[in-house]
Amino acid sequence: MPLTLPPLPYPYDALAPFMSVETLKLHHDRHHQAYIDKANELLTGTGLEEKSIEQQMLVTWKDKGKSQILFNNLGQHYNHTLFWQWMKKGGGGKRVPTLLENKLRKDIGTFDEFRKKFIEAGMTQFGSGWCWLAMENRDGKLEIMKTANGENPVVQGYTPLLGCDVWEHAYYIDYRNSRQTYLETWFDNLVNWEFVAQLFEKGPLKLAA
């Protein structure tokens, strides 16, 4: 089945003033749609059309020499589909569900330490990419990660629990070149901790390419 653009789980103005209507319309309606259109074009005739998005990413990741463009567009579709759900009106703060909070404290540190490390990952990702909280699939340990372009923790053997887009189109309209202000504002005011906890409680992904 062809990939399709998921609707936003909230109105365009729901995240204001932290993320503007203009940013959401540009980011969701145009950038995300463009990744989908390109991925669908490149998927045709590959034999991957009926596989899950995770399986498609794993296959094209292993064959990046031939499939780099396809992989990046698949990855960006996957990443953005989660990204819209990682935000909500009235999000952010320290309202982390107890099970997740306890695991964060065990594997990463206090909430403030986690916040600092997550934002640092986004700040030190040179150029376009993402910063992540991810779960190692073998032992369930939580880690902070960063990836370039459309890459994500799935292809490295991890389950993404929280990710922030640090491509310039995600924040330039609202924050210009201040990536740090964007990351801090996003973390403190938009994160949907309930959705993060749901992903955590599902446990690690079990995938076969």
Protein backbone atom coordinates (compact mmCIF):
# COMPACT_ATOMS: atom_id res chain seq x y z
CA MET A 1 0.00 0.00 0.00
CA PRO A 2 1.32 3.50 -0.73
CA LEU A 3 2.47 5.62 2.18
CA THR A 4 0.01 8.32 3.23
CA LEU A 5 0.21 11.52 5.23
CA PRO A 6 -1.30 11.09 8.71
CA PRO A 7 -3.49 13.97 9.89
CA LEU A 8 -2.20 16.09 12.74
CA PRO A 9 -3.67 14.93 16.07
CA TYR A 10 -4.58 18.55 16.93
CA PRO A 11 -5.59 21.77 15.15
CA TYR A 12 -2.88 23.84 13.46
CA ASP A 13 -3.08 26.49 16.19
CA ALA A 14 -2.97 24.05 19.12
CA LEU A 15 0.77 24.38 19.78
CA ALA A 16 0.96 28.18 19.62
CA PRO A 17 2.80 30.21 20.74
CA PHE A 18 5.55 27.58 20.97
CA MET A 19 5.06 26.30 17.42
CA SER A 20 3.18 28.50 14.98
CA VAL A 21 0.42 27.69 12.52
CA GLU A 22 2.78 28.67 9.70
CA THR A 23 5.45 26.24 10.89
CA LEU A 24 3.01 23.34 11.24
CA LYS A 25 1.45 23.92 7.84
CA LEU A 26 4.84 24.13 6.14
CA HIS A 27 6.36 21.24 8.08
CA HIS A 28 3.42 18.81 8.03
CA ASP A 29 1.60 19.66 4.80
CA ARG A 30 4.60 20.33 2.57
CA HIS A 31 7.81 18.80 3.98
CA HIS A 32 6.27 15.59 5.32
CA GLN A 33 4.14 15.17 2.21
CA ALA A 34 7.23 15.62 0.03
CA TYR A 35 9.02 12.78 1.86
CA ILE A 36 6.00 10.54 1.29
CA ASP A 37 5.71 11.42 -2.39
CA LYS A 38 9.40 10.69 -3.02
CA ALA A 39 9.36 7.46 -1.00
CA ASN A 40 6.30 6.19 -2.88
CA GLU A 41 7.95 7.02 -6.20
CA LEU A 42 11.15 5.18 -5.29
CA LEU A 43 9.40 2.19 -3.69
CA THR A 44 7.64 1.27 -6.92
CA GLY A 45 9.03 -1.98 -8.29
CA THR A 46 11.37 -2.68 -5.36
CA GLY A 47 9.34 -5.55 -3.92
CA LEU A 48 9.18 -3.69 -0.60
CA GLU A 49 5.73 -2.19 -1.13
CA GLU A 50 3.93 -4.65 1.17
CA LYS A 51 6.49 -4.57 3.97
CA SER A 52 6.04 -2.46 7.10
CA ILE A 53 7.74 0.93 7.20
CA GLU A 54 10.20 -0.44 9.77
CA GLN A 55 11.11 -3.34 7.51
CA GLN A 56 11.44 -1.02 4.52
CA MET A 57 13.87 1.13 6.49
CA LEU A 58 15.95 -1.84 7.61
CA VAL A 59 16.29 -3.22 4.08
CA THR A 60 17.20 0.12 2.49
CA TRP A 61 19.57 0.98 5.37
CA LYS A 62 21.59 -2.19 4.71
CA ASP A 63 21.75 -1.31 1.01
CA LYS A 64 22.39 2.40 1.39
CA GLY A 65 24.78 2.46 -1.54
CA LYS A 66 21.84 1.90 -3.87
CA SER A 67 18.99 3.11 -1.67
CA GLN A 68 20.27 6.18 0.22
CA ILE A 69 17.60 8.54 -1.12
CA LEU A 70 14.82 6.02 -0.54
CA PHE A 71 16.04 5.29 2.98
CA ASN A 72 16.17 8.96 3.95
CA ASN A 73 12.64 9.60 2.69
CA LEU A 74 11.29 6.49 4.43
CA GLY A 75 13.09 7.51 7.62
CA GLN A 76 11.74 11.03 7.47
CA HIS A 77 8.19 9.71 7.00
CA TYR A 78 8.60 7.39 9.99
CA ASN A 79 10.24 10.06 12.14
CA HIS A 80 7.61 12.71 11.39
CA THR A 81 4.68 10.35 11.92
CA LEU A 82 5.92 9.97 15.50
CA PHE A 83 7.00 13.60 15.84
CA TRP A 84 3.44 14.95 15.52
CA GLN A 85 2.34 12.59 18.30
CA TRP A 86 5.25 13.58 20.54
CA MET A 87 3.71 17.03 20.91
CA LYS A 88 0.48 18.27 22.45
CA LYS A 89 -1.17 21.42 23.76
CA GLY A 90 -0.18 21.90 27.40
CA GLY A 91 2.69 19.41 27.16
CA GLY A 92 6.19 19.49 28.57
CA GLY A 93 7.11 20.05 32.18
CA LYS A 94 8.12 17.35 34.61
CA ARG A 95 4.87 15.40 34.44
CA VAL A 96 6.52 12.11 33.46
CA PRO A 97 4.52 8.95 34.27
CA THR A 98 6.03 7.06 37.18
CA LEU A 99 7.28 3.89 35.42
CA LEU A 100 9.06 5.92 32.77
CA GLU A 101 10.44 8.38 35.32
CA ASN A 102 11.92 5.53 37.38
CA LYS A 103 13.58 4.02 34.29
CA LEU A 104 14.97 7.40 33.25
CA ARG A 105 16.43 7.90 36.69
CA LYS A 106 18.04 4.46 36.63
CA ASP A 107 19.56 4.66 33.15
CA ILE A 108 20.20 8.36 32.55
CA GLY A 109 19.86 10.36 35.77
CA THR A 110 17.49 12.88 37.26
CA PHE A 111 14.90 14.60 35.08
CA ASP A 112 17.09 17.70 34.89
CA GLU A 113 20.09 15.61 33.84
CA PHE A 114 17.99 13.90 31.19
CA ARG A 115 16.71 17.25 29.90
CA LYS A 116 20.26 18.62 29.68
CA LYS A 117 21.60 15.57 27.82
CA PHE A 118 18.68 15.49 25.39
CA ILE A 119 19.07 19.17 24.50
CA GLU A 120 22.86 18.75 24.20
CA ALA A 121 22.32 15.92 21.73
CA GLY A 122 20.17 18.20 19.60
CA MET A 123 22.66 21.05 19.85
CA THR A 124 25.65 18.90 18.90
CA GLN A 125 23.99 17.23 15.91
CA PHE A 126 25.88 19.01 13.15
CA GLY A 127 23.58 19.96 10.30
CA SER A 128 20.20 18.35 9.75
CA GLY A 129 19.01 15.47 11.92
CA TRP A 130 17.31 14.40 15.12
CA CYS A 131 17.94 13.89 18.83
CA TRP A 132 16.37 10.95 20.62
CA LEU A 133 15.49 9.11 23.77
CA ALA A 134 15.61 5.47 22.71
CA MET A 135 15.36 1.98 24.20
CA GLU A 136 18.00 -0.64 23.36
CA ASN A 137 16.11 -3.61 21.94
CA ARG A 138 18.18 -6.35 23.60
CA ASP A 139 18.31 -5.17 27.20
CA GLY A 140 15.77 -2.34 27.35
CA LYS A 141 18.27 0.28 28.50
CA LEU A 142 17.35 3.90 27.78
CA GLU A 143 19.90 6.06 25.97
CA ILE A 144 20.20 9.54 24.49
CA MET A 145 21.12 9.48 20.80
CA LYS A 146 21.46 11.76 17.79
CA THR A 147 21.24 10.91 14.10
CA ALA A 148 21.80 12.69 10.81
CA ASN A 149 19.30 13.34 8.03
CA GLY A 150 16.51 10.72 8.02
CA GLU A 151 18.30 8.15 10.16
CA ASN A 152 16.65 6.98 13.38
CA PRO A 153 17.26 4.55 16.27
CA VAL A 154 15.32 1.73 14.57
CA VAL A 155 18.17 0.91 12.18
CA GLN A 156 20.64 0.86 15.07
CA GLY A 157 18.71 -1.72 17.07
CA TYR A 158 16.76 0.69 19.27
CA THR A 159 13.12 1.66 19.79
CA PRO A 160 12.52 5.44 19.61
CA LEU A 161 10.60 6.80 22.59
CA LEU A 162 11.03 10.54 22.04
CA GLY A 163 12.56 12.45 19.16
CA CYS A 164 12.98 16.10 18.24
CA ASP A 165 13.51 17.31 14.69
CA VAL A 166 16.49 19.66 14.41
CA TRP A 167 16.28 20.28 10.68
CA GLU A 168 16.05 24.05 10.18
CA HIS A 169 12.58 23.86 8.63
CA ALA A 170 11.31 22.61 12.02
CA TYR A 171 12.15 25.86 13.80
CA TYR A 172 13.49 28.62 11.56
CA ILE A 173 10.17 30.45 11.12
CA ASP A 174 9.60 30.68 14.88
CA TYR A 175 13.14 30.75 16.28
CA ARG A 176 15.36 31.77 13.33
CA ASN A 177 18.81 30.24 13.90
CA SER A 178 18.42 29.70 17.67
CA ARG A 179 18.27 25.92 17.80
CA GLN A 180 18.86 25.97 21.56
CA THR A 181 15.83 28.19 22.23
CA TYR A 182 13.72 25.90 20.04
CA LEU A 183 14.91 22.74 21.82
CA GLU A 184 14.40 24.19 25.29
CA THR A 185 10.96 25.57 24.42
CA TRP A 186 9.92 22.32 22.72
CA PHE A 187 11.03 20.17 25.64
CA ASP A 188 9.51 22.38 28.32
CA ASN A 189 6.16 23.14 26.68
CA LEU A 190 5.20 20.60 24.01
CA VAL A 191 6.34 17.07 24.87
CA ASN A 192 3.48 14.57 25.15
CA TRP A 193 4.83 12.49 28.01
CA GLU A 194 1.80 10.19 27.99
CA PHE A 195 2.62 9.10 24.44
CA VAL A 196 6.29 8.63 25.35
CA ALA A 197 5.21 6.43 28.27
CA GLN A 198 2.92 4.39 26.00
CA LEU A 199 5.83 3.61 23.68
CA PHE A 200 8.01 2.73 26.66
CA GLU A 201 5.42 0.38 28.14
CA LYS A 202 5.02 -1.45 24.81
CA GLY A 203 8.65 -2.52 25.11
CA PRO A 204 11.33 -2.92 22.44
CA LEU A 205 10.48 -3.37 18.78
CA LYS A 206 10.71 -6.92 17.46
CA LEU A 207 11.55 -6.69 13.79
CA ALA A 208 12.88 -8.86 11.01
CA ALA A 209 13.81 -7.32 7.68
